[in-house]
Amino acid sequence: MYLSVQLSYYPLADDFKPVVKEVVKRLEATGLEVHPNRMSTQVFGEFDEVMAALSDVMKWSFETHGKAVFTANFLEGDRRPR
């Protein structure tokens, strides 16, 4: 099953931009299709692969940078921009 996700990440740190860029870079390194923009990051791929990547990145973020807020919208199907 294909999954489309819109993910927003809010690290609770004063210098948040480098942390956000690290999270996006880690998502891109998974091989999934990743489209970052100024408001959120869209992630596309097979359900199990997307969920595993999100879990790994979230765990890494909490362990490395501490408290943060993740918000996500999940939509079954291919909603990649054309």
N, C-alpha and C. Protein backbone atom coordinates (compact mmCIF):
# COMPACT_ATOMS: atom_id res chain seq x y z
N MET A 1 0.85 -1.18 0.00
CA MET A 1 0.00 0.00 0.00
C MET A 1 0.89 1.24 0.00
N TYR A 2 0.55 2.19 -0.85
CA TYR A 2 1.32 3.43 -0.96
C TYR A 2 0.80 4.44 0.05
N LEU A 3 1.72 5.21 0.63
CA LEU A 3 1.35 6.17 1.67
C LEU A 3 1.93 7.53 1.34
N SER A 4 1.12 8.56 1.56
CA SER A 4 1.54 9.95 1.43
C SER A 4 1.44 10.60 2.81
N VAL A 5 2.51 11.29 3.22
CA VAL A 5 2.55 11.89 4.56
C VAL A 5 3.00 13.35 4.45
N GLN A 6 2.32 14.19 5.19
CA GLN A 6 2.75 15.57 5.37
C GLN A 6 3.22 15.69 6.81
N LEU A 7 4.50 15.99 7.00
CA LEU A 7 5.12 15.99 8.32
C LEU A 7 5.63 17.38 8.66
N SER A 8 5.30 17.84 9.85
CA SER A 8 5.87 19.08 10.38
C SER A 8 6.62 18.74 11.66
N TYR A 9 7.76 19.38 11.85
CA TYR A 9 8.64 19.10 12.97
C TYR A 9 8.99 20.41 13.66
N TYR A 10 8.77 20.44 14.95
CA TYR A 10 9.03 21.64 15.74
C TYR A 10 9.93 21.31 16.92
N PRO A 11 11.25 21.39 16.74
CA PRO A 11 12.14 21.14 17.87
C PRO A 11 12.00 22.27 18.89
N LEU A 12 11.99 21.92 20.15
CA LEU A 12 11.84 22.92 21.19
C LEU A 12 13.22 23.43 21.59
N ALA A 13 13.82 24.18 20.65
CA ALA A 13 15.16 24.72 20.83
C ALA A 13 15.21 26.10 20.21
N ASP A 14 16.07 26.95 20.76
CA ASP A 14 16.21 28.31 20.22
C ASP A 14 16.77 28.29 18.80
N ASP A 15 17.77 27.48 18.56
CA ASP A 15 18.40 27.41 17.24
C ASP A 15 17.83 26.19 16.50
N PHE A 16 16.61 26.31 16.01
CA PHE A 16 15.88 25.17 15.48
C PHE A 16 16.16 24.85 14.01
N LYS A 17 16.60 25.82 13.22
CA LYS A 17 16.75 25.58 11.78
C LYS A 17 17.74 24.45 11.45
N PRO A 18 18.92 24.42 12.05
CA PRO A 18 19.83 23.31 11.74
C PRO A 18 19.25 21.94 12.12
N VAL A 19 18.50 21.91 13.20
CA VAL A 19 17.89 20.65 13.65
C VAL A 19 16.85 20.18 12.63
N VAL A 20 16.02 21.08 12.14
CA VAL A 20 15.01 20.74 11.14
C VAL A 20 15.71 20.23 9.88
N LYS A 21 16.78 20.90 9.47
CA LYS A 21 17.50 20.47 8.27
C LYS A 21 18.10 19.07 8.45
N GLU A 22 18.55 18.75 9.65
CA GLU A 22 19.07 17.41 9.93
C GLU A 22 17.99 16.35 9.77
N VAL A 23 16.80 16.63 10.27
CA VAL A 23 15.70 15.68 10.15
C VAL A 23 15.35 15.45 8.68
N VAL A 24 15.28 16.52 7.91
CA VAL A 24 14.98 16.39 6.48
C VAL A 24 16.07 15.58 5.79
N LYS A 25 17.32 15.85 6.12
CA LYS A 25 18.43 15.12 5.51
C LYS A 25 18.35 13.64 5.83
N ARG A 26 17.99 13.31 7.05
CA ARG A 26 17.85 11.90 7.43
C ARG A 26 16.70 11.23 6.68
N LEU A 27 15.61 11.96 6.50
CA LEU A 27 14.50 11.40 5.72
C LEU A 27 14.93 11.17 4.27
N GLU A 28 15.64 12.12 3.71
CA GLU A 28 16.10 11.98 2.32
C GLU A 28 17.05 10.79 2.17
N ALA A 29 17.84 10.51 3.20
CA ALA A 29 18.80 9.40 3.15
C ALA A 29 18.12 8.03 3.16
N THR A 30 16.83 7.98 3.46
CA THR A 30 16.12 6.69 3.49
C THR A 30 15.84 6.15 2.10
N GLY A 31 15.93 7.00 1.09
CA GLY A 31 15.60 6.58 -0.27
C GLY A 31 14.14 6.78 -0.63
N LEU A 32 13.36 7.23 0.34
CA LEU A 32 11.96 7.56 0.05
C LEU A 32 11.91 8.86 -0.73
N GLU A 33 10.79 9.12 -1.36
CA GLU A 33 10.61 10.40 -2.04
C GLU A 33 10.24 11.44 -0.99
N VAL A 34 11.05 12.48 -0.88
CA VAL A 34 10.89 13.51 0.15
C VAL A 34 10.87 14.87 -0.51
N HIS A 35 9.85 15.67 -0.17
CA HIS A 35 9.70 17.02 -0.73
C HIS A 35 9.60 18.02 0.43
N PRO A 36 10.72 18.61 0.85
CA PRO A 36 10.66 19.62 1.90
C PRO A 36 10.20 20.96 1.33
N ASN A 37 9.49 21.70 2.13
CA ASN A 37 9.15 23.09 1.78
C ASN A 37 9.18 23.91 3.06
N ARG A 38 8.76 25.14 2.98
CA ARG A 38 8.90 26.05 4.13
C ARG A 38 7.96 25.71 5.30
N MET A 39 6.88 25.01 5.03
CA MET A 39 5.89 24.74 6.08
C MET A 39 5.89 23.30 6.58
N SER A 40 6.28 22.36 5.73
CA SER A 40 6.24 20.95 6.09
C SER A 40 7.11 20.16 5.13
N THR A 41 7.19 18.88 5.38
CA THR A 41 7.92 17.98 4.49
C THR A 41 6.97 16.86 4.10
N GLN A 42 6.90 16.59 2.83
CA GLN A 42 6.05 15.51 2.33
C GLN A 42 6.93 14.29 2.07
N VAL A 43 6.43 13.14 2.50
CA VAL A 43 7.15 11.87 2.35
C VAL A 43 6.22 10.89 1.66
N PHE A 44 6.77 10.17 0.67
CA PHE A 44 5.97 9.25 -0.13
C PHE A 44 6.69 7.91 -0.26
N GLY A 45 5.93 6.83 -0.18
CA GLY A 45 6.51 5.51 -0.37
C GLY A 45 5.58 4.42 0.11
N GLU A 46 6.11 3.21 0.12
CA GLU A 46 5.34 2.07 0.61
C GLU A 46 5.12 2.22 2.11
N PHE A 47 3.94 1.84 2.55
CA PHE A 47 3.50 2.07 3.93
C PHE A 47 4.55 1.65 4.96
N ASP A 48 4.99 0.40 4.91
CA ASP A 48 5.93 -0.10 5.92
C ASP A 48 7.25 0.66 5.91
N GLU A 49 7.72 1.03 4.72
CA GLU A 49 8.98 1.76 4.61
C GLU A 49 8.84 3.18 5.17
N VAL A 50 7.73 3.83 4.87
CA VAL A 50 7.51 5.19 5.37
C VAL A 50 7.39 5.18 6.89
N MET A 51 6.60 4.26 7.41
CA MET A 51 6.39 4.22 8.86
C MET A 51 7.69 3.88 9.59
N ALA A 52 8.50 2.98 9.04
CA ALA A 52 9.78 2.64 9.66
C ALA A 52 10.72 3.84 9.65
N ALA A 53 10.76 4.56 8.54
CA ALA A 53 11.62 5.74 8.44
C ALA A 53 11.18 6.82 9.43
N LEU A 54 9.88 7.07 9.51
CA LEU A 54 9.38 8.07 10.46
C LEU A 54 9.71 7.67 11.89
N SER A 55 9.53 6.41 12.22
CA SER A 55 9.84 5.93 13.57
C SER A 55 11.32 6.12 13.88
N ASP A 56 12.19 5.75 12.95
CA ASP A 56 13.63 5.89 13.17
C ASP A 56 14.03 7.35 13.33
N VAL A 57 13.52 8.22 12.48
CA VAL A 57 13.88 9.63 12.53
C VAL A 57 13.35 10.29 13.80
N MET A 58 12.13 9.95 14.19
CA MET A 58 11.58 10.52 15.41
C MET A 58 12.38 10.08 16.64
N LYS A 59 12.70 8.80 16.70
CA LYS A 59 13.48 8.29 17.83
C LYS A 59 14.85 8.97 17.88
N TRP A 60 15.53 9.05 16.72
CA TRP A 60 16.82 9.72 16.65
C TRP A 60 16.71 11.17 17.13
N SER A 61 15.67 11.87 16.68
CA SER A 61 15.48 13.27 17.05
C SER A 61 15.33 13.42 18.56
N PHE A 62 14.49 12.61 19.17
CA PHE A 62 14.27 12.70 20.61
C PHE A 62 15.56 12.37 21.38
N GLU A 63 16.28 11.34 20.95
CA GLU A 63 17.50 10.94 21.64
C GLU A 63 18.62 11.96 21.45
N THR A 64 18.65 12.63 20.29
CA THR A 64 19.75 13.54 19.98
C THR A 64 19.48 14.97 20.40
N HIS A 65 18.25 15.43 20.18
CA HIS A 65 17.94 16.84 20.39
C HIS A 65 16.92 17.10 21.49
N GLY A 66 16.40 16.07 22.09
CA GLY A 66 15.45 16.27 23.18
C GLY A 66 14.04 16.53 22.70
N LYS A 67 13.32 17.31 23.45
CA LYS A 67 11.90 17.51 23.21
C LYS A 67 11.63 18.20 21.88
N ALA A 68 10.55 17.73 21.25
CA ALA A 68 10.12 18.28 19.97
C ALA A 68 8.68 17.87 19.74
N VAL A 69 8.04 18.55 18.82
CA VAL A 69 6.67 18.23 18.42
C VAL A 69 6.70 17.80 16.95
N PHE A 70 6.12 16.65 16.68
CA PHE A 70 5.91 16.19 15.31
C PHE A 70 4.40 16.20 15.06
N THR A 71 3.99 16.72 13.92
CA THR A 71 2.60 16.58 13.50
C THR A 71 2.62 15.95 12.12
N ALA A 72 1.66 15.07 11.87
CA ALA A 72 1.65 14.37 10.58
C ALA A 72 0.22 14.14 10.12
N ASN A 73 0.06 14.23 8.82
CA ASN A 73 -1.19 13.85 8.16
C ASN A 73 -0.87 12.67 7.26
N PHE A 74 -1.66 11.61 7.36
CA PHE A 74 -1.43 10.40 6.58
C PHE A 74 -2.59 10.20 5.62
N LEU A 75 -2.25 9.91 4.38
CA LEU A 75 -3.27 9.64 3.38
C LEU A 75 -2.86 8.42 2.58
N GLU A 76 -3.71 7.42 2.58
CA GLU A 76 -3.45 6.23 1.80
C GLU A 76 -3.53 6.62 0.32
N GLY A 77 -2.54 6.21 -0.44
CA GLY A 77 -2.53 6.49 -1.86
C GLY A 77 -1.39 7.42 -2.25
N ASP A 78 -1.26 7.58 -3.55
CA ASP A 78 -0.18 8.38 -4.12
C ASP A 78 -0.65 9.79 -4.37
N ARG A 79 -0.20 10.72 -3.53
CA ARG A 79 -0.57 12.12 -3.64
C ARG A 79 0.64 13.00 -3.97
N ARG A 80 1.62 12.37 -4.63
CA ARG A 80 2.82 13.13 -5.01
C ARG A 80 2.44 14.27 -5.95
N PRO A 81 3.15 15.40 -5.83
CA PRO A 81 2.89 16.52 -6.75
C PRO A 81 3.29 16.11 -8.16
N ARG A 82 2.50 16.50 -9.09
CA ARG A 82 2.78 16.16 -10.50
C ARG A 82 3.47 17.30 -11.18
